[in-house]
N, C-alpha and C. Protein backbone atom coordinates (compact mmCIF):
# COMPACT_ATOMS: atom_id res chain seq x y z
N MET A 1 9.77 3.03 7.47
CA MET A 1 9.57 1.89 8.34
C MET A 1 10.93 1.49 8.94
N ALA A 2 10.96 1.25 10.23
CA ALA A 2 12.20 0.91 10.92
C ALA A 2 12.65 -0.51 10.60
N GLU A 3 13.98 -0.70 10.59
CA GLU A 3 14.53 -2.03 10.38
C GLU A 3 14.28 -2.91 11.59
N HIS A 4 14.25 -4.20 11.35
CA HIS A 4 14.17 -5.13 12.47
C HIS A 4 15.42 -4.99 13.32
N LYS A 5 15.26 -5.09 14.61
CA LYS A 5 16.38 -4.94 15.54
C LYS A 5 17.49 -5.96 15.27
N ILE A 6 17.12 -7.16 14.87
CA ILE A 6 18.12 -8.21 14.67
C ILE A 6 19.11 -7.85 13.56
N TYR A 7 18.70 -7.04 12.60
CA TYR A 7 19.59 -6.69 11.48
C TYR A 7 20.85 -5.97 11.96
N THR A 8 20.73 -5.19 13.02
CA THR A 8 21.86 -4.43 13.53
C THR A 8 22.56 -5.12 14.70
N MET A 9 22.05 -6.27 15.12
CA MET A 9 22.70 -7.04 16.18
C MET A 9 23.98 -7.66 15.64
N LYS A 10 24.98 -7.74 16.49
CA LYS A 10 26.23 -8.38 16.08
C LYS A 10 25.99 -9.88 15.96
N PHE A 11 26.43 -10.45 14.85
CA PHE A 11 26.33 -11.89 14.66
C PHE A 11 27.07 -12.61 15.79
N SER A 12 28.19 -12.02 16.22
CA SER A 12 28.99 -12.63 17.29
C SER A 12 28.26 -12.67 18.63
N SER A 13 27.21 -11.87 18.81
CA SER A 13 26.45 -11.92 20.06
C SER A 13 25.42 -13.06 20.05
N VAL A 14 25.05 -13.54 18.88
CA VAL A 14 24.07 -14.62 18.76
C VAL A 14 24.76 -15.97 18.54
N TYR A 15 25.89 -15.95 17.88
CA TYR A 15 26.63 -17.17 17.57
C TYR A 15 26.82 -18.09 18.78
N PRO A 16 27.26 -17.57 19.95
CA PRO A 16 27.44 -18.46 21.10
C PRO A 16 26.14 -19.17 21.50
N HIS A 17 25.01 -18.54 21.26
CA HIS A 17 23.72 -19.17 21.58
C HIS A 17 23.44 -20.34 20.64
N TYR A 18 23.83 -20.19 19.38
CA TYR A 18 23.71 -21.31 18.43
C TYR A 18 24.54 -22.49 18.92
N VAL A 19 25.77 -22.20 19.33
CA VAL A 19 26.68 -23.25 19.79
C VAL A 19 26.14 -23.90 21.06
N THR A 20 25.70 -23.10 22.01
CA THR A 20 25.16 -23.62 23.27
C THR A 20 23.94 -24.50 23.01
N LYS A 21 23.06 -24.05 22.13
CA LYS A 21 21.86 -24.82 21.81
C LYS A 21 22.25 -26.19 21.25
N ALA A 22 23.23 -26.22 20.38
CA ALA A 22 23.69 -27.48 19.78
C ALA A 22 24.36 -28.37 20.84
N GLU A 23 25.25 -27.78 21.64
CA GLU A 23 26.00 -28.57 22.62
C GLU A 23 25.11 -29.15 23.70
N LYS A 24 24.01 -28.47 24.03
CA LYS A 24 23.07 -29.01 25.02
C LYS A 24 22.44 -30.31 24.52
N LYS A 25 22.45 -30.50 23.22
CA LYS A 25 21.86 -31.70 22.62
C LYS A 25 22.94 -32.63 22.06
N ASP A 26 24.14 -32.54 22.65
CA ASP A 26 25.27 -33.39 22.28
C ASP A 26 25.71 -33.24 20.83
N ARG A 27 25.56 -32.03 20.30
CA ARG A 27 26.12 -31.71 18.98
C ARG A 27 27.32 -30.81 19.22
N THR A 28 28.03 -30.41 18.17
CA THR A 28 29.29 -29.70 18.37
C THR A 28 29.33 -28.32 17.71
N LYS A 29 30.27 -27.51 18.18
CA LYS A 29 30.55 -26.21 17.57
C LYS A 29 30.94 -26.41 16.11
N GLU A 30 31.70 -27.46 15.83
CA GLU A 30 32.14 -27.75 14.46
C GLU A 30 30.94 -27.98 13.54
N GLU A 31 29.91 -28.64 14.06
CA GLU A 31 28.70 -28.86 13.26
C GLU A 31 27.96 -27.55 13.01
N VAL A 32 27.91 -26.69 14.03
CA VAL A 32 27.30 -25.36 13.86
C VAL A 32 28.05 -24.60 12.77
N ASP A 33 29.38 -24.60 12.86
CA ASP A 33 30.20 -23.91 11.86
C ASP A 33 29.98 -24.48 10.46
N LYS A 34 29.90 -25.79 10.37
CA LYS A 34 29.69 -26.43 9.07
C LYS A 34 28.37 -25.96 8.44
N ILE A 35 27.34 -25.84 9.26
CA ILE A 35 26.04 -25.35 8.78
C ILE A 35 26.17 -23.91 8.28
N ILE A 36 26.81 -23.07 9.06
CA ILE A 36 26.96 -21.66 8.68
C ILE A 36 27.78 -21.53 7.39
N LEU A 37 28.86 -22.30 7.29
CA LEU A 37 29.70 -22.25 6.09
C LEU A 37 28.93 -22.76 4.88
N TRP A 38 28.15 -23.82 5.06
CA TRP A 38 27.34 -24.38 3.97
C TRP A 38 26.33 -23.33 3.48
N LEU A 39 25.69 -22.66 4.43
CA LEU A 39 24.64 -21.69 4.08
C LEU A 39 25.21 -20.45 3.38
N THR A 40 26.34 -19.95 3.87
CA THR A 40 26.84 -18.64 3.42
C THR A 40 27.98 -18.69 2.41
N GLY A 41 28.71 -19.79 2.36
CA GLY A 41 29.87 -19.86 1.49
C GLY A 41 31.14 -19.29 2.11
N TYR A 42 31.06 -18.85 3.36
CA TYR A 42 32.26 -18.37 4.04
C TYR A 42 33.24 -19.52 4.27
N THR A 43 34.53 -19.18 4.39
CA THR A 43 35.52 -20.13 4.86
C THR A 43 35.56 -20.03 6.38
N GLU A 44 36.24 -20.98 7.03
CA GLU A 44 36.37 -20.92 8.48
C GLU A 44 37.05 -19.62 8.90
N LYS A 45 38.08 -19.23 8.17
CA LYS A 45 38.83 -18.00 8.48
C LYS A 45 37.91 -16.77 8.34
N GLN A 46 37.12 -16.72 7.28
CA GLN A 46 36.21 -15.59 7.09
C GLN A 46 35.18 -15.53 8.21
N LEU A 47 34.66 -16.68 8.62
CA LEU A 47 33.69 -16.72 9.72
C LEU A 47 34.34 -16.18 10.99
N GLU A 48 35.54 -16.65 11.30
CA GLU A 48 36.26 -16.16 12.48
C GLU A 48 36.48 -14.66 12.41
N ASP A 49 36.85 -14.15 11.24
CA ASP A 49 37.07 -12.71 11.07
C ASP A 49 35.80 -11.92 11.38
N HIS A 50 34.66 -12.39 10.89
CA HIS A 50 33.39 -11.70 11.15
C HIS A 50 33.03 -11.75 12.63
N LEU A 51 33.30 -12.87 13.27
CA LEU A 51 33.03 -12.98 14.71
C LEU A 51 33.91 -12.02 15.49
N GLU A 52 35.18 -11.92 15.09
CA GLU A 52 36.12 -11.03 15.79
C GLU A 52 35.80 -9.56 15.59
N LYS A 53 35.40 -9.18 14.39
CA LYS A 53 35.17 -7.75 14.15
C LYS A 53 33.75 -7.30 14.51
N GLY A 54 32.89 -8.23 14.90
CA GLY A 54 31.56 -7.85 15.36
C GLY A 54 30.60 -7.43 14.26
N THR A 55 30.67 -8.10 13.12
CA THR A 55 29.80 -7.80 11.99
C THR A 55 28.34 -7.99 12.39
N ASP A 56 27.48 -7.05 11.97
CA ASP A 56 26.06 -7.22 12.26
C ASP A 56 25.43 -8.20 11.26
N PHE A 57 24.21 -8.66 11.57
CA PHE A 57 23.55 -9.64 10.71
C PHE A 57 23.38 -9.12 9.28
N LYS A 58 23.01 -7.85 9.16
CA LYS A 58 22.79 -7.29 7.83
C LYS A 58 24.03 -7.44 6.95
N ASN A 59 25.18 -7.06 7.47
CA ASN A 59 26.41 -7.14 6.70
C ASN A 59 26.96 -8.56 6.62
N PHE A 60 26.70 -9.37 7.65
CA PHE A 60 27.14 -10.76 7.62
C PHE A 60 26.54 -11.47 6.40
N PHE A 61 25.25 -11.25 6.16
CA PHE A 61 24.62 -11.88 5.00
C PHE A 61 24.91 -11.13 3.70
N ALA A 62 25.02 -9.81 3.76
CA ALA A 62 25.32 -9.03 2.56
C ALA A 62 26.70 -9.38 2.00
N GLU A 63 27.64 -9.69 2.88
CA GLU A 63 29.00 -9.99 2.46
C GLU A 63 29.25 -11.48 2.21
N ALA A 64 28.24 -12.30 2.43
CA ALA A 64 28.40 -13.75 2.23
C ALA A 64 28.82 -14.01 0.78
N PRO A 65 29.90 -14.76 0.60
CA PRO A 65 30.43 -14.94 -0.74
C PRO A 65 29.58 -15.81 -1.67
N ASP A 66 28.83 -16.75 -1.12
CA ASP A 66 28.11 -17.68 -2.00
C ASP A 66 26.97 -18.34 -1.25
N MET A 67 25.84 -17.65 -1.15
CA MET A 67 24.69 -18.24 -0.46
C MET A 67 24.29 -19.51 -1.20
N ASN A 68 24.13 -20.58 -0.44
CA ASN A 68 23.86 -21.89 -1.03
C ASN A 68 22.48 -21.91 -1.68
N PRO A 69 22.39 -22.23 -2.97
CA PRO A 69 21.09 -22.27 -3.64
C PRO A 69 20.16 -23.33 -3.06
N SER A 70 20.71 -24.35 -2.43
CA SER A 70 19.88 -25.40 -1.82
C SER A 70 19.14 -24.91 -0.58
N ARG A 71 19.46 -23.71 -0.11
CA ARG A 71 18.77 -23.19 1.08
C ARG A 71 17.28 -23.03 0.83
N GLU A 72 16.90 -22.90 -0.43
CA GLU A 72 15.48 -22.75 -0.74
C GLU A 72 14.70 -24.04 -0.49
N MET A 73 15.42 -25.13 -0.23
CA MET A 73 14.78 -26.39 0.13
C MET A 73 14.41 -26.44 1.61
N ILE A 74 14.87 -25.45 2.37
CA ILE A 74 14.58 -25.41 3.81
C ILE A 74 13.13 -25.00 3.99
N LYS A 75 12.39 -25.85 4.66
CA LYS A 75 10.96 -25.61 4.89
C LYS A 75 10.69 -25.80 6.38
N GLY A 76 9.59 -25.27 6.82
CA GLY A 76 9.18 -25.50 8.20
C GLY A 76 8.92 -24.20 8.95
N VAL A 77 8.62 -24.37 10.23
CA VAL A 77 8.22 -23.25 11.07
C VAL A 77 9.35 -22.90 12.03
N ILE A 78 9.61 -21.61 12.13
CA ILE A 78 10.56 -21.08 13.11
C ILE A 78 9.93 -19.81 13.68
N CYS A 79 9.89 -19.71 14.98
CA CYS A 79 9.27 -18.56 15.66
C CYS A 79 7.82 -18.37 15.20
N GLY A 80 7.13 -19.48 14.94
CA GLY A 80 5.72 -19.43 14.57
C GLY A 80 5.44 -19.02 13.13
N VAL A 81 6.48 -18.91 12.31
CA VAL A 81 6.31 -18.47 10.93
C VAL A 81 6.98 -19.49 10.00
N ARG A 82 6.33 -19.81 8.90
CA ARG A 82 6.91 -20.72 7.91
C ARG A 82 8.04 -19.98 7.19
N VAL A 83 9.25 -20.55 7.22
CA VAL A 83 10.40 -19.87 6.62
C VAL A 83 10.22 -19.64 5.13
N GLU A 84 9.55 -20.55 4.46
CA GLU A 84 9.36 -20.39 3.02
C GLU A 84 8.38 -19.27 2.66
N ASP A 85 7.62 -18.78 3.65
CA ASP A 85 6.64 -17.72 3.41
C ASP A 85 7.14 -16.32 3.80
N ILE A 86 8.34 -16.24 4.35
CA ILE A 86 8.89 -14.94 4.77
C ILE A 86 9.25 -14.15 3.52
N GLU A 87 8.67 -12.96 3.40
CA GLU A 87 8.85 -12.16 2.19
C GLU A 87 10.10 -11.29 2.22
N GLU A 88 10.53 -10.85 3.39
CA GLU A 88 11.70 -9.97 3.49
C GLU A 88 12.95 -10.83 3.36
N PRO A 89 13.76 -10.63 2.32
CA PRO A 89 14.90 -11.51 2.04
C PRO A 89 15.90 -11.68 3.18
N LEU A 90 16.29 -10.61 3.84
CA LEU A 90 17.27 -10.73 4.92
C LEU A 90 16.70 -11.53 6.09
N MET A 91 15.45 -11.26 6.45
CA MET A 91 14.82 -12.00 7.55
C MET A 91 14.74 -13.48 7.18
N GLN A 92 14.45 -13.78 5.92
CA GLN A 92 14.37 -15.17 5.50
C GLN A 92 15.74 -15.85 5.65
N GLU A 93 16.82 -15.17 5.28
CA GLU A 93 18.16 -15.75 5.42
C GLU A 93 18.46 -16.05 6.90
N ILE A 94 18.12 -15.11 7.76
CA ILE A 94 18.36 -15.29 9.20
C ILE A 94 17.56 -16.48 9.71
N ARG A 95 16.32 -16.58 9.29
CA ARG A 95 15.45 -17.68 9.75
C ARG A 95 15.86 -19.02 9.15
N TYR A 96 16.43 -19.01 7.94
CA TYR A 96 17.00 -20.24 7.39
C TYR A 96 18.07 -20.76 8.35
N MET A 97 18.95 -19.86 8.79
CA MET A 97 20.02 -20.28 9.69
C MET A 97 19.44 -20.80 11.01
N ASP A 98 18.46 -20.08 11.54
CA ASP A 98 17.81 -20.52 12.78
C ASP A 98 17.22 -21.92 12.62
N LYS A 99 16.57 -22.15 11.50
CA LYS A 99 15.93 -23.45 11.25
C LYS A 99 16.97 -24.56 11.17
N LEU A 100 18.09 -24.30 10.50
CA LEU A 100 19.14 -25.31 10.40
C LEU A 100 19.73 -25.65 11.78
N ILE A 101 19.93 -24.64 12.61
CA ILE A 101 20.46 -24.87 13.96
C ILE A 101 19.44 -25.65 14.78
N ASP A 102 18.16 -25.34 14.62
CA ASP A 102 17.10 -26.10 15.30
C ASP A 102 17.13 -27.57 14.89
N GLU A 103 17.28 -27.81 13.60
CA GLU A 103 17.32 -29.19 13.10
C GLU A 103 18.52 -29.93 13.71
N LEU A 104 19.66 -29.24 13.82
CA LEU A 104 20.84 -29.84 14.43
C LEU A 104 20.54 -30.21 15.88
N ALA A 105 19.96 -29.28 16.62
CA ALA A 105 19.66 -29.51 18.04
C ALA A 105 18.61 -30.61 18.23
N LYS A 106 17.79 -30.83 17.23
CA LYS A 106 16.77 -31.88 17.33
C LYS A 106 17.30 -33.24 16.91
N GLY A 107 18.60 -33.31 16.59
CA GLY A 107 19.23 -34.59 16.30
C GLY A 107 19.18 -35.05 14.86
N LYS A 108 18.77 -34.18 13.97
CA LYS A 108 18.71 -34.54 12.56
C LYS A 108 20.13 -34.80 12.03
N ALA A 109 20.26 -35.75 11.12
CA ALA A 109 21.56 -36.07 10.53
C ALA A 109 22.06 -34.90 9.68
N MET A 110 23.37 -34.68 9.70
CA MET A 110 23.97 -33.57 8.95
C MET A 110 23.63 -33.63 7.47
N GLU A 111 23.59 -34.83 6.88
CA GLU A 111 23.27 -34.95 5.45
C GLU A 111 21.88 -34.37 5.15
N LYS A 112 20.96 -34.59 6.08
CA LYS A 112 19.60 -34.07 5.87
C LYS A 112 19.55 -32.57 6.11
N ILE A 113 20.27 -32.12 7.13
CA ILE A 113 20.31 -30.68 7.42
C ILE A 113 20.88 -29.92 6.23
N LEU A 114 21.94 -30.47 5.64
CA LEU A 114 22.60 -29.80 4.51
C LEU A 114 21.96 -30.15 3.17
N ARG A 115 20.79 -30.75 3.23
CA ARG A 115 19.99 -31.05 2.03
C ARG A 115 20.79 -31.81 0.97
N GLU A 116 21.54 -32.82 1.43
CA GLU A 116 22.36 -33.63 0.49
C GLU A 116 21.58 -34.83 0.01
């Protein structure tokens, strides 16, 4: 069975879309970065390194130093599918990130987005 196309896409090709989506709703790149760092455990420097070297989604998540255990509290629908029902682990991680960015763009408070 073939891998999903998104797994081999460069994270750096999607990242600007996350930022644009947030900025259109008066949120910031810093908030997008904070969400990504919270989810993956990367430092700002590590995130920048991955963006510069063009890491694909598969390796971006595989190399994440400390996936946040609170991510399992993320619930809801993204792309017509409930994130908590996604069985493929990598796809679920990607959709968790998508859901968090959506919540940011919808004006949700950072404390709620980061499940604090």
